[in-house]
Amino acid sequence: MQQVRVLGIILAGGKGTRLYPLTRERSKPAVPFGGKYRIVDFVLSNFVNSGIYSIYVLTQFKSQSLLQNLREAWQFSPLLQNQYIIPVPAQMRQGDHWSPIRG
């Protein structure tokens, strides 16, 4: 039986205005929950536990704390070639509108 390859995409660019002041210094997905976890960790855990190991995390607003969490908590073994979590930052192409990278 051939294994189906699935790409997971997480929209993690929210400003989190309703969570202010928790989002004063970080993006909404990077807000701590229960001590050592971040909000985005629950989505990532659901993907991984569902067998989805190829994941893009689309970032935008105050993304540094989110990038740090992804790097420290969600690195797969280098031996796992087809399993990854890649942050994809927004880019400003023309004007004042943000858009994700398009290939």
N, C-alpha and C. Protein backbone atom coordinates (compact mmCIF):
# COMPACT_ATOMS: atom_id res chain seq x y z
N MET A 1 0.83 -1.18 0.00
CA MET A 1 0.00 0.00 0.00
C MET A 1 0.88 1.25 0.00
N GLN A 2 0.61 2.16 -0.91
CA GLN A 2 1.40 3.37 -1.03
C GLN A 2 0.95 4.41 0.00
N GLN A 3 1.94 5.03 0.66
CA GLN A 3 1.64 6.05 1.67
C GLN A 3 1.32 7.37 0.98
N VAL A 4 0.23 8.00 1.39
CA VAL A 4 -0.16 9.29 0.84
C VAL A 4 0.66 10.38 1.51
N ARG A 5 1.23 11.28 0.70
CA ARG A 5 2.00 12.40 1.25
C ARG A 5 1.07 13.59 1.41
N VAL A 6 1.07 14.16 2.59
CA VAL A 6 0.21 15.29 2.91
C VAL A 6 1.07 16.44 3.42
N LEU A 7 0.78 17.64 2.95
CA LEU A 7 1.46 18.84 3.42
C LEU A 7 0.49 19.60 4.33
N GLY A 8 0.90 19.82 5.58
CA GLY A 8 0.10 20.60 6.51
C GLY A 8 0.51 22.06 6.46
N ILE A 9 -0.47 22.95 6.52
CA ILE A 9 -0.20 24.39 6.52
C ILE A 9 -0.90 25.00 7.72
N ILE A 10 -0.13 25.74 8.52
CA ILE A 10 -0.66 26.41 9.70
C ILE A 10 -0.59 27.91 9.48
N LEU A 11 -1.73 28.57 9.61
CA LEU A 11 -1.78 30.02 9.49
C LEU A 11 -1.49 30.60 10.87
N ALA A 12 -0.29 31.13 11.05
CA ALA A 12 0.17 31.58 12.37
C ALA A 12 0.62 33.03 12.32
N GLY A 13 -0.16 33.89 11.69
CA GLY A 13 0.26 35.27 11.55
C GLY A 13 -0.63 36.27 12.27
N GLY A 14 -1.50 35.79 13.14
CA GLY A 14 -2.45 36.68 13.78
C GLY A 14 -1.82 37.65 14.77
N LYS A 15 -2.39 38.85 14.82
CA LYS A 15 -1.92 39.88 15.74
C LYS A 15 -2.30 39.55 17.18
N GLY A 16 -3.44 38.95 17.39
CA GLY A 16 -3.85 38.58 18.74
C GLY A 16 -4.31 39.75 19.57
N THR A 17 -5.04 40.68 18.98
CA THR A 17 -5.46 41.87 19.72
C THR A 17 -6.35 41.54 20.91
N ARG A 18 -7.14 40.48 20.82
CA ARG A 18 -8.00 40.11 21.95
C ARG A 18 -7.22 39.47 23.09
N LEU A 19 -5.98 39.07 22.83
CA LEU A 19 -5.14 38.47 23.88
C LEU A 19 -4.16 39.48 24.48
N TYR A 20 -4.25 40.73 24.05
CA TYR A 20 -3.38 41.76 24.62
C TYR A 20 -3.66 41.86 26.11
N PRO A 21 -2.72 41.95 26.99
CA PRO A 21 -1.30 42.26 26.83
C PRO A 21 -0.40 41.05 26.62
N LEU A 22 -0.95 39.84 26.53
CA LEU A 22 -0.10 38.67 26.31
C LEU A 22 0.63 38.74 24.96
N THR A 23 0.05 39.47 24.02
CA THR A 23 0.66 39.59 22.69
C THR A 23 1.44 40.88 22.50
N ARG A 24 1.73 41.58 23.57
CA ARG A 24 2.50 42.82 23.46
C ARG A 24 3.90 42.53 22.90
N GLU A 25 4.52 41.44 23.30
CA GLU A 25 5.90 41.13 22.91
C GLU A 25 6.01 39.96 21.93
N ARG A 26 4.91 39.27 21.61
CA ARG A 26 5.00 38.07 20.77
C ARG A 26 3.74 37.90 19.95
N SER A 27 3.81 37.02 18.97
CA SER A 27 2.65 36.71 18.14
C SER A 27 1.68 35.83 18.92
N LYS A 28 0.43 35.81 18.50
CA LYS A 28 -0.58 35.01 19.18
C LYS A 28 -0.20 33.52 19.24
N PRO A 29 0.29 32.89 18.17
CA PRO A 29 0.64 31.48 18.24
C PRO A 29 1.78 31.17 19.22
N ALA A 30 2.58 32.19 19.57
CA ALA A 30 3.71 31.99 20.48
C ALA A 30 3.38 32.30 21.93
N VAL A 31 2.12 32.61 22.23
CA VAL A 31 1.72 32.90 23.61
C VAL A 31 1.82 31.61 24.43
N PRO A 32 2.47 31.68 25.61
CA PRO A 32 2.59 30.49 26.45
C PRO A 32 1.23 29.99 26.95
N PHE A 33 1.13 28.67 27.07
CA PHE A 33 -0.08 28.04 27.59
C PHE A 33 0.35 26.89 28.48
N GLY A 34 -0.06 26.91 29.71
CA GLY A 34 0.28 25.82 30.62
C GLY A 34 1.76 25.72 30.94
N GLY A 35 2.46 26.83 30.95
CA GLY A 35 3.87 26.82 31.34
C GLY A 35 4.82 26.68 30.19
N LYS A 36 5.07 25.46 29.71
CA LYS A 36 6.12 25.27 28.71
C LYS A 36 5.61 25.17 27.27
N TYR A 37 4.32 25.13 27.08
CA TYR A 37 3.77 25.00 25.73
C TYR A 37 3.37 26.35 25.17
N ARG A 38 3.25 26.42 23.85
CA ARG A 38 2.76 27.61 23.15
C ARG A 38 1.46 27.21 22.44
N ILE A 39 0.65 28.18 22.11
CA ILE A 39 -0.62 27.88 21.44
C ILE A 39 -0.40 27.07 20.17
N VAL A 40 0.62 27.40 19.38
CA VAL A 40 0.88 26.69 18.14
C VAL A 40 1.26 25.22 18.38
N ASP A 41 1.77 24.90 19.56
CA ASP A 41 2.19 23.53 19.85
C ASP A 41 1.02 22.53 19.78
N PHE A 42 -0.18 22.99 20.10
CA PHE A 42 -1.34 22.09 20.06
C PHE A 42 -1.68 21.73 18.61
N VAL A 43 -1.58 22.68 17.71
CA VAL A 43 -1.84 22.41 16.29
C VAL A 43 -0.76 21.50 15.73
N LEU A 44 0.49 21.80 16.03
CA LEU A 44 1.60 20.97 15.55
C LEU A 44 1.49 19.55 16.10
N SER A 45 1.15 19.40 17.35
CA SER A 45 0.99 18.08 17.95
C SER A 45 -0.12 17.29 17.26
N ASN A 46 -1.23 17.95 16.95
CA ASN A 46 -2.32 17.28 16.24
C ASN A 46 -1.88 16.81 14.86
N PHE A 47 -1.11 17.64 14.15
CA PHE A 47 -0.61 17.23 12.84
C PHE A 47 0.29 16.01 12.96
N VAL A 48 1.29 16.09 13.83
CA VAL A 48 2.26 15.01 13.96
C VAL A 48 1.58 13.72 14.43
N ASN A 49 0.67 13.82 15.37
CA ASN A 49 -0.04 12.63 15.85
C ASN A 49 -1.03 12.08 14.83
N SER A 50 -1.33 12.84 13.79
CA SER A 50 -2.18 12.38 12.70
C SER A 50 -1.36 11.87 11.52
N GLY A 51 -0.04 11.84 11.68
CA GLY A 51 0.83 11.33 10.63
C GLY A 51 1.21 12.36 9.58
N ILE A 52 1.01 13.64 9.88
CA ILE A 52 1.40 14.71 8.95
C ILE A 52 2.71 15.29 9.46
N TYR A 53 3.79 15.00 8.71
CA TYR A 53 5.13 15.39 9.16
C TYR A 53 5.76 16.46 8.29
N SER A 54 5.10 16.85 7.22
CA SER A 54 5.59 17.92 6.34
C SER A 54 4.68 19.11 6.57
N ILE A 55 5.22 20.14 7.24
CA ILE A 55 4.37 21.23 7.71
C ILE A 55 5.01 22.58 7.40
N TYR A 56 4.22 23.48 6.82
CA TYR A 56 4.61 24.88 6.66
C TYR A 56 3.87 25.68 7.72
N VAL A 57 4.58 26.59 8.38
CA VAL A 57 3.97 27.50 9.35
C VAL A 57 4.10 28.91 8.77
N LEU A 58 2.97 29.48 8.35
CA LEU A 58 2.97 30.81 7.75
C LEU A 58 2.96 31.85 8.86
N THR A 59 4.01 32.66 8.91
CA THR A 59 4.18 33.63 10.00
C THR A 59 4.05 35.05 9.46
N GLN A 60 3.84 36.01 10.37
CA GLN A 60 3.84 37.41 9.96
C GLN A 60 4.12 38.33 11.14
N PHE A 61 3.22 38.46 12.06
CA PHE A 61 3.26 39.48 13.10
C PHE A 61 4.15 39.07 14.27
N LYS A 62 5.19 39.85 14.58
CA LYS A 62 6.09 39.58 15.72
C LYS A 62 6.49 38.11 15.77
N SER A 63 7.08 37.63 14.71
CA SER A 63 7.30 36.19 14.56
C SER A 63 8.55 35.64 15.24
N GLN A 64 9.41 36.49 15.78
CA GLN A 64 10.68 35.99 16.34
C GLN A 64 10.48 34.95 17.44
N SER A 65 9.57 35.20 18.37
CA SER A 65 9.35 34.24 19.46
C SER A 65 8.77 32.94 18.93
N LEU A 66 7.96 33.01 17.89
CA LEU A 66 7.41 31.80 17.27
C LEU A 66 8.51 31.02 16.57
N LEU A 67 9.37 31.71 15.85
CA LEU A 67 10.49 31.05 15.17
C LEU A 67 11.40 30.36 16.17
N GLN A 68 11.65 31.02 17.28
CA GLN A 68 12.49 30.43 18.32
C GLN A 68 11.86 29.15 18.88
N ASN A 69 10.57 29.18 19.13
CA ASN A 69 9.87 28.00 19.64
C ASN A 69 9.92 26.85 18.62
N LEU A 70 9.71 27.14 17.35
CA LEU A 70 9.77 26.10 16.32
C LEU A 70 11.16 25.48 16.26
N ARG A 71 12.18 26.32 16.34
CA ARG A 71 13.56 25.83 16.26
C ARG A 71 13.91 24.96 17.47
N GLU A 72 13.51 25.40 18.67
CA GLU A 72 13.91 24.69 19.89
C GLU A 72 13.05 23.47 20.19
N ALA A 73 11.78 23.52 19.91
CA ALA A 73 10.87 22.46 20.34
C ALA A 73 10.45 21.48 19.24
N TRP A 74 10.64 21.85 17.96
CA TRP A 74 10.06 21.04 16.88
C TRP A 74 11.06 20.66 15.81
N GLN A 75 12.28 20.36 16.18
CA GLN A 75 13.25 19.91 15.19
C GLN A 75 13.20 18.39 15.08
N PHE A 76 12.96 17.91 13.87
CA PHE A 76 13.01 16.47 13.64
C PHE A 76 14.46 16.04 13.46
N SER A 77 14.70 14.76 13.56
CA SER A 77 16.04 14.22 13.37
C SER A 77 16.50 14.48 11.93
N PRO A 78 17.80 14.79 11.74
CA PRO A 78 18.31 14.98 10.38
C PRO A 78 18.18 13.72 9.53
N LEU A 79 17.98 12.58 10.15
CA LEU A 79 17.83 11.33 9.42
C LEU A 79 16.47 11.22 8.74
N LEU A 80 15.52 12.03 9.18
CA LEU A 80 14.17 11.98 8.63
C LEU A 80 14.06 12.99 7.49
N GLN A 81 14.42 12.56 6.29
CA GLN A 81 14.55 13.45 5.13
C GLN A 81 13.23 14.12 4.72
N ASN A 82 12.12 13.41 4.76
CA ASN A 82 10.86 13.94 4.27
C ASN A 82 9.97 14.49 5.37
N GLN A 83 10.53 14.76 6.52
CA GLN A 83 9.75 15.27 7.64
C GLN A 83 10.32 16.61 8.07
N TYR A 84 9.48 17.64 8.04
CA TYR A 84 9.99 18.97 8.34
C TYR A 84 8.88 19.88 8.80
N ILE A 85 9.30 20.90 9.53
CA ILE A 85 8.44 22.02 9.88
C ILE A 85 9.20 23.26 9.44
N ILE A 86 8.66 23.97 8.47
CA ILE A 86 9.35 25.11 7.88
C ILE A 86 8.52 26.38 8.11
N PRO A 87 9.11 27.38 8.76
CA PRO A 87 8.42 28.67 8.86
C PRO A 87 8.50 29.41 7.53
N VAL A 88 7.39 29.99 7.12
CA VAL A 88 7.33 30.73 5.86
C VAL A 88 6.90 32.15 6.19
N PRO A 89 7.84 33.11 6.17
CA PRO A 89 7.48 34.49 6.52
C PRO A 89 6.74 35.17 5.37
N ALA A 90 5.90 36.15 5.72
CA ALA A 90 5.22 36.96 4.72
C ALA A 90 6.23 37.88 4.06
N GLN A 91 5.92 38.29 2.84
CA GLN A 91 6.78 39.22 2.12
C GLN A 91 5.94 40.38 1.61
N MET A 92 6.52 41.57 1.61
CA MET A 92 5.83 42.70 1.02
C MET A 92 6.31 42.80 -0.43
N ARG A 93 5.42 42.57 -1.36
CA ARG A 93 5.78 42.57 -2.78
C ARG A 93 5.59 43.94 -3.41
N GLN A 94 4.37 44.45 -3.35
CA GLN A 94 4.07 45.76 -3.93
C GLN A 94 3.12 46.48 -3.01
N GLY A 95 3.31 47.75 -2.83
CA GLY A 95 2.41 48.53 -2.01
C GLY A 95 2.57 48.20 -0.54
N ASP A 96 1.49 48.35 0.21
CA ASP A 96 1.51 48.15 1.65
C ASP A 96 0.84 46.87 2.10
N HIS A 97 0.65 45.92 1.21
CA HIS A 97 -0.07 44.70 1.53
C HIS A 97 0.90 43.54 1.73
N TRP A 98 0.68 42.76 2.77
CA TRP A 98 1.50 41.59 3.06
C TRP A 98 0.91 40.40 2.34
N SER A 99 1.78 39.52 1.83
CA SER A 99 1.30 38.29 1.20
C SER A 99 2.32 37.19 1.42
N PRO A 100 1.86 35.93 1.46
CA PRO A 100 2.82 34.81 1.62
C PRO A 100 3.65 34.65 0.36
N ILE A 101 4.76 33.97 0.50
CA ILE A 101 5.65 33.70 -0.64
C ILE A 101 4.92 32.79 -1.63
N ARG A 102 5.00 33.13 -2.87
CA ARG A 102 4.40 32.29 -3.93
C ARG A 102 5.52 31.85 -4.86
N GLY A 103 5.55 30.56 -5.13
CA GLY A 103 6.64 30.03 -5.95
C GLY A 103 6.35 29.89 -7.39
